[in-house]
N, C-alpha and C. Protein backbone atom coordinates (compact mmCIF):
# COMPACT_ATOMS: atom_id res chain seq x y z
N MET A 1 95.85 -126.12 -11.23
CA MET A 1 96.86 -126.66 -9.86
C MET A 1 98.05 -127.43 -10.71
N THR A 2 99.27 -126.88 -10.37
CA THR A 2 100.49 -127.69 -10.71
C THR A 2 100.75 -129.00 -9.84
N THR A 3 101.02 -129.95 -10.73
CA THR A 3 101.19 -131.12 -10.12
C THR A 3 102.56 -131.92 -10.41
N VAL A 4 103.34 -132.50 -9.77
CA VAL A 4 104.71 -132.78 -10.06
C VAL A 4 104.52 -134.42 -9.93
N THR A 5 104.89 -134.75 -11.27
CA THR A 5 104.65 -136.29 -11.64
C THR A 5 105.92 -136.92 -10.82
N ARG A 6 105.91 -138.13 -10.40
CA ARG A 6 107.17 -138.78 -9.84
C ARG A 6 107.15 -140.16 -10.76
N LEU A 7 107.97 -140.20 -11.53
CA LEU A 7 108.25 -141.28 -12.49
C LEU A 7 109.48 -142.10 -11.90
N PRO A 8 109.51 -143.40 -12.15
CA PRO A 8 110.82 -144.20 -11.80
C PRO A 8 112.14 -143.44 -12.54
N VAL A 9 113.10 -143.22 -11.84
CA VAL A 9 114.42 -142.51 -12.40
C VAL A 9 114.66 -143.12 -13.81
N ARG A 10 114.63 -144.64 -14.36
CA ARG A 10 115.05 -144.97 -15.55
C ARG A 10 113.87 -144.57 -16.57
N ASP A 11 112.60 -144.20 -16.18
CA ASP A 11 111.76 -143.56 -17.06
C ASP A 11 111.48 -142.16 -17.37
N MET A 12 112.27 -141.75 -16.60
CA MET A 12 112.00 -140.09 -16.67
C MET A 12 112.88 -139.32 -17.81
N THR A 13 112.43 -138.75 -18.62
CA THR A 13 112.86 -138.23 -19.94
C THR A 13 113.30 -136.94 -19.40
N GLU A 14 114.62 -136.46 -20.46
CA GLU A 14 114.98 -134.82 -19.94
C GLU A 14 113.64 -133.91 -20.14
N ARG A 15 112.83 -134.26 -20.86
CA ARG A 15 111.41 -133.27 -21.14
C ARG A 15 110.84 -133.11 -19.87
N GLN A 16 110.52 -134.43 -19.43
CA GLN A 16 109.78 -134.51 -18.15
C GLN A 16 110.55 -133.89 -16.85
N LEU A 17 111.90 -134.34 -16.84
CA LEU A 17 112.67 -133.61 -15.71
C LEU A 17 112.36 -132.19 -15.92
N GLN A 18 112.56 -131.57 -17.19
CA GLN A 18 112.38 -130.00 -17.11
C GLN A 18 110.96 -129.36 -16.80
N GLN A 19 109.95 -130.29 -16.81
CA GLN A 19 108.62 -129.85 -16.60
C GLN A 19 108.49 -129.68 -15.30
N SER A 20 109.26 -130.93 -14.44
CA SER A 20 109.04 -131.01 -12.98
C SER A 20 109.80 -129.81 -12.54
N VAL A 21 111.01 -129.49 -12.99
CA VAL A 21 111.52 -128.41 -12.19
C VAL A 21 111.06 -127.25 -12.63
N THR A 22 110.76 -126.96 -13.74
CA THR A 22 109.74 -125.53 -14.08
C THR A 22 108.55 -125.53 -13.08
N ASP A 23 107.74 -126.61 -12.96
CA ASP A 23 106.70 -126.58 -12.03
C ASP A 23 107.38 -126.58 -10.58
N LEU A 24 108.23 -126.81 -10.20
CA LEU A 24 108.93 -126.57 -8.81
C LEU A 24 109.04 -125.29 -8.72
N CYS A 25 109.52 -124.42 -9.88
CA CYS A 25 110.15 -122.91 -9.88
C CYS A 25 108.89 -122.40 -9.50
N ARG A 26 107.91 -122.70 -10.10
CA ARG A 26 106.51 -121.77 -9.80
C ARG A 26 106.29 -122.10 -8.26
N VAL A 27 106.25 -123.14 -7.66
CA VAL A 27 105.80 -123.37 -6.75
C VAL A 27 106.60 -122.36 -5.20
N PHE A 28 107.95 -122.18 -5.86
CA PHE A 28 109.04 -121.49 -4.91
C PHE A 28 109.22 -120.26 -5.59
N HIS A 29 108.17 -119.50 -6.30
CA HIS A 29 108.04 -118.36 -6.72
C HIS A 29 109.38 -117.84 -7.29
N LEU A 30 110.20 -118.88 -7.90
CA LEU A 30 111.33 -118.78 -8.64
C LEU A 30 111.08 -117.97 -10.18
N LEU A 31 111.86 -117.12 -10.94
CA LEU A 31 112.00 -117.18 -12.21
C LEU A 31 112.66 -118.18 -12.81
N CYS A 32 112.01 -118.45 -13.90
CA CYS A 32 112.62 -119.88 -14.96
C CYS A 32 112.41 -119.34 -16.33
N TYR A 33 113.77 -119.52 -16.82
CA TYR A 33 113.71 -119.37 -18.44
C TYR A 33 114.34 -120.37 -19.11
N HIS A 34 113.45 -120.79 -19.90
CA HIS A 34 113.97 -121.97 -20.89
C HIS A 34 113.62 -121.35 -22.41
N THR A 35 114.71 -121.41 -23.40
CA THR A 35 114.85 -121.33 -24.62
C THR A 35 114.05 -122.28 -25.58
N ARG A 36 112.62 -121.93 -25.93
CA ARG A 36 112.03 -122.98 -26.31
C ARG A 36 112.54 -123.52 -27.85
N ASP A 37 113.07 -122.32 -28.57
CA ASP A 37 113.71 -122.57 -29.81
C ASP A 37 114.84 -122.25 -29.94
N SER A 38 116.04 -123.33 -29.81
CA SER A 38 117.41 -122.85 -29.70
C SER A 38 117.79 -122.52 -30.99
N ARG A 39 117.28 -122.37 -32.15
CA ARG A 39 117.83 -122.39 -33.46
C ARG A 39 118.08 -120.64 -33.33
N GLY A 40 119.24 -120.20 -33.77
CA GLY A 40 119.98 -119.08 -33.70
C GLY A 40 120.58 -118.56 -32.47
N SER A 41 120.25 -119.63 -31.40
CA SER A 41 120.99 -118.82 -30.32
C SER A 41 122.22 -119.82 -30.11
N ALA A 42 123.04 -119.26 -29.19
CA ALA A 42 124.45 -119.80 -29.18
C ALA A 42 124.31 -121.32 -28.62
N ALA A 43 125.32 -122.18 -29.07
CA ALA A 43 125.07 -123.68 -28.97
C ALA A 43 125.62 -123.90 -27.49
N GLY A 44 125.05 -124.84 -26.78
CA GLY A 44 125.78 -125.15 -25.57
C GLY A 44 124.75 -124.27 -24.47
N PHE A 45 124.03 -122.96 -24.57
CA PHE A 45 123.90 -122.63 -23.45
C PHE A 45 122.72 -123.33 -22.74
N PRO A 46 122.86 -123.21 -21.46
CA PRO A 46 122.17 -124.23 -20.21
C PRO A 46 120.61 -124.23 -20.60
N ASP A 47 120.12 -125.21 -20.06
CA ASP A 47 118.72 -125.44 -20.51
C ASP A 47 117.65 -124.48 -19.77
N LEU A 48 118.20 -124.33 -18.48
CA LEU A 48 117.40 -123.22 -17.46
C LEU A 48 117.92 -122.05 -16.92
N VAL A 49 117.55 -120.97 -16.86
CA VAL A 49 118.33 -120.07 -16.11
C VAL A 49 117.20 -119.58 -14.95
N ILE A 50 117.46 -119.81 -13.62
CA ILE A 50 116.48 -119.65 -12.64
C ILE A 50 116.97 -118.85 -11.67
N VAL A 51 115.86 -117.84 -11.35
CA VAL A 51 116.50 -116.57 -10.58
C VAL A 51 115.39 -116.56 -9.25
N GLY A 52 116.17 -116.41 -8.33
CA GLY A 52 115.37 -116.19 -6.99
C GLY A 52 115.91 -115.14 -6.24
N ASP A 53 115.45 -114.92 -5.06
CA ASP A 53 115.90 -113.70 -4.15
C ASP A 53 117.09 -113.80 -3.50
N LYS A 54 117.94 -115.19 -3.69
CA LYS A 54 119.32 -115.47 -3.06
C LYS A 54 120.04 -115.93 -4.23
N GLY A 55 119.68 -115.63 -5.58
CA GLY A 55 120.91 -115.82 -6.72
C GLY A 55 120.25 -116.14 -7.65
N ILE A 56 121.26 -116.61 -8.89
CA ILE A 56 120.93 -117.02 -9.98
C ILE A 56 121.37 -118.40 -10.34
N LEU A 57 120.98 -119.34 -11.08
CA LEU A 57 121.51 -120.71 -11.18
C LEU A 57 121.37 -120.91 -12.49
N TYR A 58 122.50 -121.48 -13.37
CA TYR A 58 122.11 -122.00 -14.65
C TYR A 58 122.40 -123.55 -14.60
N ALA A 59 121.04 -124.17 -15.10
CA ALA A 59 121.14 -125.42 -14.87
C ALA A 59 120.97 -126.19 -16.09
N GLU A 60 121.77 -127.28 -16.38
CA GLU A 60 121.68 -128.07 -17.67
C GLU A 60 121.14 -129.60 -17.14
N LEU A 61 120.03 -129.77 -17.90
CA LEU A 61 119.33 -131.05 -17.70
C LEU A 61 119.61 -132.08 -18.87
N LYS A 62 119.77 -133.26 -18.23
CA LYS A 62 120.33 -134.56 -19.00
C LYS A 62 119.50 -135.77 -18.79
N SER A 63 119.09 -136.77 -19.39
CA SER A 63 118.56 -138.08 -19.35
C SER A 63 119.71 -138.74 -18.33
N LYS A 64 119.20 -139.73 -17.92
CA LYS A 64 120.11 -140.60 -17.08
C LYS A 64 121.71 -140.88 -17.86
N ALA A 65 121.63 -141.00 -19.36
CA ALA A 65 122.83 -141.66 -20.03
C ALA A 65 123.24 -140.30 -20.72
N GLY A 66 122.84 -139.25 -20.53
CA GLY A 66 122.95 -138.10 -21.55
C GLY A 66 124.31 -137.64 -20.99
N LYS A 67 124.95 -136.85 -22.03
CA LYS A 67 126.16 -136.48 -22.07
C LYS A 67 126.20 -134.97 -22.18
N LEU A 68 127.45 -134.20 -21.69
CA LEU A 68 127.49 -133.02 -22.42
C LEU A 68 128.38 -132.83 -23.39
N THR A 69 127.57 -131.77 -24.19
CA THR A 69 128.52 -131.43 -25.56
C THR A 69 129.74 -130.50 -25.16
N ILE A 70 130.61 -130.50 -26.15
CA ILE A 70 132.07 -129.81 -25.92
C ILE A 70 131.27 -128.10 -25.53
N GLU A 71 130.43 -127.67 -26.36
CA GLU A 71 129.75 -126.31 -26.30
C GLU A 71 129.19 -126.21 -24.76
N GLN A 72 128.49 -127.20 -24.40
CA GLN A 72 127.84 -127.10 -23.14
C GLN A 72 128.85 -127.07 -21.72
N VAL A 73 130.12 -128.00 -22.22
CA VAL A 73 131.41 -127.80 -21.23
C VAL A 73 132.05 -126.41 -21.23
N CYS A 74 131.96 -125.77 -22.41
CA CYS A 74 132.53 -124.69 -22.43
C CYS A 74 131.77 -123.59 -21.84
N TRP A 75 130.45 -123.47 -21.88
CA TRP A 75 129.36 -122.47 -21.14
C TRP A 75 129.72 -122.96 -19.53
N ARG A 76 129.59 -124.19 -19.07
CA ARG A 76 129.75 -124.44 -17.65
C ARG A 76 130.99 -123.74 -17.12
N GLU A 77 132.18 -124.04 -17.88
CA GLU A 77 133.63 -123.28 -17.62
C GLU A 77 133.46 -121.80 -17.38
N GLY A 78 132.82 -121.13 -18.31
CA GLY A 78 132.65 -119.87 -18.50
C GLY A 78 131.77 -119.15 -17.18
N ILE A 79 130.67 -119.79 -17.29
CA ILE A 79 129.64 -119.42 -15.99
C ILE A 79 130.62 -119.62 -14.71
N LEU A 80 131.26 -120.71 -14.48
CA LEU A 80 131.89 -121.10 -12.97
C LEU A 80 133.07 -119.99 -12.77
N ALA A 81 133.84 -119.84 -14.13
CA ALA A 81 134.90 -118.81 -13.81
C ALA A 81 134.55 -117.56 -13.59
N ALA A 82 133.50 -117.13 -14.11
CA ALA A 82 132.62 -115.71 -13.74
C ALA A 82 132.27 -115.58 -12.30
N GLY A 83 132.18 -116.88 -11.61
CA GLY A 83 131.75 -116.47 -10.15
C GLY A 83 130.30 -117.22 -10.36
N GLY A 84 129.57 -117.53 -11.51
CA GLY A 84 128.36 -117.97 -11.52
C GLY A 84 128.08 -119.49 -10.76
N SER A 85 126.52 -119.72 -10.80
CA SER A 85 126.45 -120.93 -10.25
C SER A 85 125.81 -121.81 -11.47
N TRP A 86 126.53 -123.17 -11.57
CA TRP A 86 125.97 -124.04 -12.72
C TRP A 86 125.83 -125.43 -12.27
N VAL A 87 124.78 -126.00 -12.64
CA VAL A 87 124.43 -127.40 -12.06
C VAL A 87 124.13 -128.25 -13.32
N LEU A 88 124.74 -129.49 -13.21
CA LEU A 88 123.92 -130.45 -14.27
C LEU A 88 123.05 -131.55 -13.14
N TRP A 89 121.83 -131.44 -13.73
CA TRP A 89 120.63 -132.34 -13.19
C TRP A 89 120.13 -133.51 -14.10
N ARG A 90 120.27 -134.62 -13.43
CA ARG A 90 119.67 -135.78 -14.07
C ARG A 90 118.33 -136.22 -13.23
N PRO A 91 117.71 -137.22 -13.91
CA PRO A 91 116.69 -137.76 -13.20
C PRO A 91 117.03 -138.44 -11.62
N ALA A 92 117.85 -138.99 -11.57
CA ALA A 92 118.19 -139.27 -9.93
C ALA A 92 118.24 -137.95 -8.97
N ASP A 93 118.60 -136.87 -9.67
CA ASP A 93 118.80 -135.81 -8.83
C ASP A 93 117.28 -135.06 -8.41
N TRP A 94 116.40 -135.33 -9.44
CA TRP A 94 114.98 -134.87 -9.04
C TRP A 94 114.47 -135.92 -7.67
N HIS A 95 114.77 -137.56 -7.90
CA HIS A 95 114.16 -138.50 -6.96
C HIS A 95 114.91 -138.26 -5.85
N SER A 96 116.02 -137.77 -5.94
CA SER A 96 116.84 -138.13 -4.40
C SER A 96 116.66 -136.61 -3.73
N GLY A 97 115.79 -135.74 -4.19
CA GLY A 97 115.47 -134.41 -3.60
C GLY A 97 116.56 -133.19 -3.61
N ASP A 98 117.61 -133.63 -4.25
CA ASP A 98 118.72 -132.58 -4.51
C ASP A 98 118.09 -131.21 -5.28
N ILE A 99 117.40 -131.58 -6.28
CA ILE A 99 117.04 -130.30 -7.14
C ILE A 99 116.02 -129.48 -6.28
N ARG A 100 115.08 -130.36 -5.47
CA ARG A 100 114.25 -129.28 -4.44
C ARG A 100 115.12 -128.48 -3.65
N HIS A 101 116.26 -129.17 -2.69
CA HIS A 101 117.28 -128.60 -1.85
C HIS A 101 117.61 -127.33 -2.70
N THR A 102 118.29 -127.37 -3.61
CA THR A 102 118.74 -126.44 -4.31
C THR A 102 117.96 -125.18 -4.54
N LEU A 103 116.68 -125.70 -5.07
CA LEU A 103 115.73 -124.35 -5.44
C LEU A 103 115.42 -124.08 -4.12
N GLU A 104 115.06 -124.62 -3.08
CA GLU A 104 114.77 -123.92 -2.10
C GLU A 104 115.93 -123.05 -1.62
N GLY A 105 117.08 -123.43 -1.60
CA GLY A 105 118.30 -122.52 -1.28
C GLY A 105 118.14 -120.86 -2.03
N LEU A 106 117.55 -121.01 -3.36
CA LEU A 106 117.43 -119.88 -4.07
C LEU A 106 116.28 -118.80 -3.64
N CYS A 107 115.06 -119.38 -2.77
CA CYS A 107 114.17 -118.49 -2.29
C CYS A 107 114.17 -118.01 -0.76
N ALA A 108 113.73 -117.02 -0.71
CA ALA A 108 113.81 -115.99 0.43
C ALA A 108 112.49 -116.45 1.41
N ARG A 109 111.37 -116.92 0.70
CA ARG A 109 110.39 -117.29 1.54
C ARG A 109 109.49 -118.36 1.03
N ALA A 110 109.03 -118.96 1.93
CA ALA A 110 108.33 -120.60 1.68
C ALA A 110 107.46 -120.27 0.81
N PRO A 111 107.14 -121.54 0.04
CA PRO A 111 106.36 -121.65 -1.19
C PRO A 111 104.91 -121.77 -0.78
N THR A 112 103.97 -121.06 -1.63
CA THR A 112 102.54 -121.33 -1.36
C THR A 112 102.18 -122.53 -2.02
N THR A 113 100.84 -122.54 -1.94
CA THR A 113 100.24 -123.69 -2.87
C THR A 113 100.15 -123.18 -4.42
N PRO A 114 100.69 -124.00 -5.51
CA PRO A 114 100.53 -123.63 -6.93
C PRO A 114 99.38 -122.95 -7.41
N ALA A 115 98.19 -123.43 -6.65
CA ALA A 115 97.16 -122.68 -7.22
C ALA A 115 96.64 -121.35 -6.94
N ALA A 116 97.45 -121.03 -5.83
CA ALA A 116 97.66 -119.71 -5.39
C ALA A 116 97.97 -118.72 -6.44
N ARG A 117 99.15 -119.10 -7.22
CA ARG A 117 99.93 -118.48 -7.95
C ARG A 117 99.56 -118.26 -9.44
N PRO A 118 99.12 -117.11 -10.03
CA PRO A 118 98.61 -117.15 -11.25
C PRO A 118 100.09 -117.15 -12.05
N ARG A 119 99.63 -117.31 -13.33
CA ARG A 119 101.26 -117.60 -14.25
C ARG A 119 100.90 -117.18 -15.29
N ALA A 120 101.93 -116.22 -16.07
CA ALA A 120 101.71 -115.83 -17.54
C ALA A 120 102.84 -116.42 -17.93
N ARG A 121 102.84 -116.52 -19.58
CA ARG A 121 103.30 -117.23 -20.43
C ARG A 121 103.72 -116.69 -21.57
N SER A 122 104.78 -116.42 -21.94
CA SER A 122 105.08 -115.78 -23.52
C SER A 122 105.99 -116.67 -23.88
N ARG A 123 106.36 -116.40 -25.30
CA ARG A 123 107.22 -117.12 -26.08
C ARG A 123 108.46 -117.43 -25.48
N GLY A 124 109.14 -118.55 -25.15
CA GLY A 124 110.43 -118.65 -24.34
C GLY A 124 110.74 -118.48 -22.80
N TYR A 125 109.58 -117.99 -22.09
CA TYR A 125 109.75 -117.83 -20.95
C TYR A 125 108.42 -118.05 -19.89
N THR A 126 108.59 -118.26 -18.68
CA THR A 126 107.43 -118.22 -17.59
C THR A 126 107.89 -117.39 -16.80
N LEU A 127 106.76 -116.23 -16.54
CA LEU A 127 106.80 -115.46 -15.45
C LEU A 127 106.04 -116.06 -14.24
N ALA A 128 106.86 -116.88 -13.25
CA ALA A 128 106.00 -117.32 -12.14
C ALA A 128 105.52 -116.00 -11.19
N GLY A 129 104.19 -115.93 -11.09
CA GLY A 129 103.78 -115.03 -10.03
C GLY A 129 103.01 -113.81 -10.77
N ALA A 130 103.03 -113.72 -12.09
CA ALA A 130 102.88 -112.61 -12.81
C ALA A 130 101.48 -112.69 -13.23
N GLY A 131 100.95 -111.88 -13.21
CA GLY A 131 99.32 -111.72 -13.49
C GLY A 131 98.86 -112.35 -15.01
N ASP A 132 97.85 -112.86 -15.14
CA ASP A 132 97.53 -113.87 -16.36
C ASP A 132 97.45 -112.97 -17.51
N GLU A 133 97.90 -113.59 -18.76
CA GLU A 133 97.89 -112.82 -19.97
C GLU A 133 96.53 -112.80 -20.58
């Protein structure tokens, strides 16, 4: 069963934020991609690509004090200029409910319990709702 841990904003790392977001994506039946090993990939590409029935979202995750790199700003500007959706999420956005609200807006159906959803994993991505490998 997927559990989402609530940590104080000041204590939540970027990795913990990422895990919380990907767990919630599974609950909402959203596809979520994260490049686990970015060596050889384009610098600055967003941390998560989230796909739902109502759209696609590129999400950059940062700690409370984390700053965007120049490459991340270039990706943001390129995605937005092309009409895409891009967000910067920090632990405060998790605790305020903004992330949950945004993810709910991507899905056309109500979430089911995490235990009811099998999950497939492969290198670099999670297919929420796919059969077990």
